[in-house]
Amino acid sequence: MDVFALTRALVDLDSTTGREAPVADFLLGYLSELATRWNGRAERLTAAPGRDNILVSFGDPVVTLSTHMDTVPPYFASREDDTHIHGRGACDAKGIIAAMIGAAESLLTEGVRGFALLFVVGEERDSAGARAAAAAPRGSRFLINGEPTENLLALGSKGALRYELIARGKLAHSAYPELGHSAVHALLDVLQQIRGIALPNDPLLGTATLNVGTISGGRAPNVIADEARAEIMFRTVGDPSQIRQEVEQLSAGRVEACEVHYSAAVRLQAVDGLPTTVVAFTTDIPIFDGTWGQPLLIGPGSIHVAHTSEERIAKRELVDAVEIYSRMVRQLIAGGAGA
């Protein structure tokens, strides 16, 4: 299956976070055939109940090519034109999966061994797959993590700090607000103050940012709300302790601030011959924490269309990525990043 057909086959399987099984099953079947043909080993590795990572290795891996199988909602199927493949996950990260498999097939044809493919669940939400993989490494010295960087090698990426804010109130008729306490109003007041936190700046990664991603609560427009919730995410550029302290202080006695996820900002090294960039998004790299080797971050596609209704990937970038991944594996096996 060529890289375009494989990308479309993967996109056409809904694998919204938590429902990755169809893609995992497809990849296990596809990679098992590849492993049989080239004397490799394909495995299904449990990451969470009903959610499995897929690993195929060819010899003892020096380099592991890895990305994620899950996507954000809403799902929509693939379509193709002369220049792009469109659909949920086209660039984030099913086209990347296809390019990594294409690179593996090319390397095996050349007689190259000593690498693995690792596809994980949960990157878009809980990083369950990376956490499970980090607990059971296989000795790889380099981890090439695939995310949409327009085929440029990222020298750094921001971290992520996510909270759920929960406000409690007291029900009352909206005509008599003095008899109740609005959880919605309390939540909005705290959110407004959190939005005013002065965020740090880093010379490489730029300025930290905040997104208020979801807000929900209340029962009806004529009822004082007894509960309200919000999910917020900071994109961090360094030590998050000051942000944590301010969120705690602004929330104290007003709303519950529950930290639900943190992954650190990372700084990465260059590889000879590859042009570089810096990205603002977060990856599974800090969750792996070096357990699968020195991390490198690169992949086809633009993050600017990921998570949108216009998600797509350029066919030219997919073809280029197959060659880039192949060259990186050969180079890293031969002598490391500076080879």
Foldseek 3Di string as FASTA:
>chain_A
DALVVQLQVLLQDAAAAPRLVVNQVVVQVVVVVVCVVLVKDWDWADLDVVFTKIKIFFPQAQEEEEEESHFHDDFDHWDDDPWWIWTTCSVRPSSQVSLLVLLVVVCVVVVDHRYMYIYFGDWVHALSRLLRCLVPARPHAEYEYEHAPQQFWAQWEFKKWKKKKKFFKAKDFQVCCVVMGASVVLVVVLVVVLQVDQFDADPAQGTKDKDFDDKDWDDDPRMRTGMIMTMMMIGHDADCPVSVVVSCVSPPPRIDIGTDDIFHIDGADAFPPGHHDHYHDDGCVRSSVQSNHGYIYGYFDDPVCHPHNGGMTTPVRSVVSSVVSNVVSVVCVVPHRHD
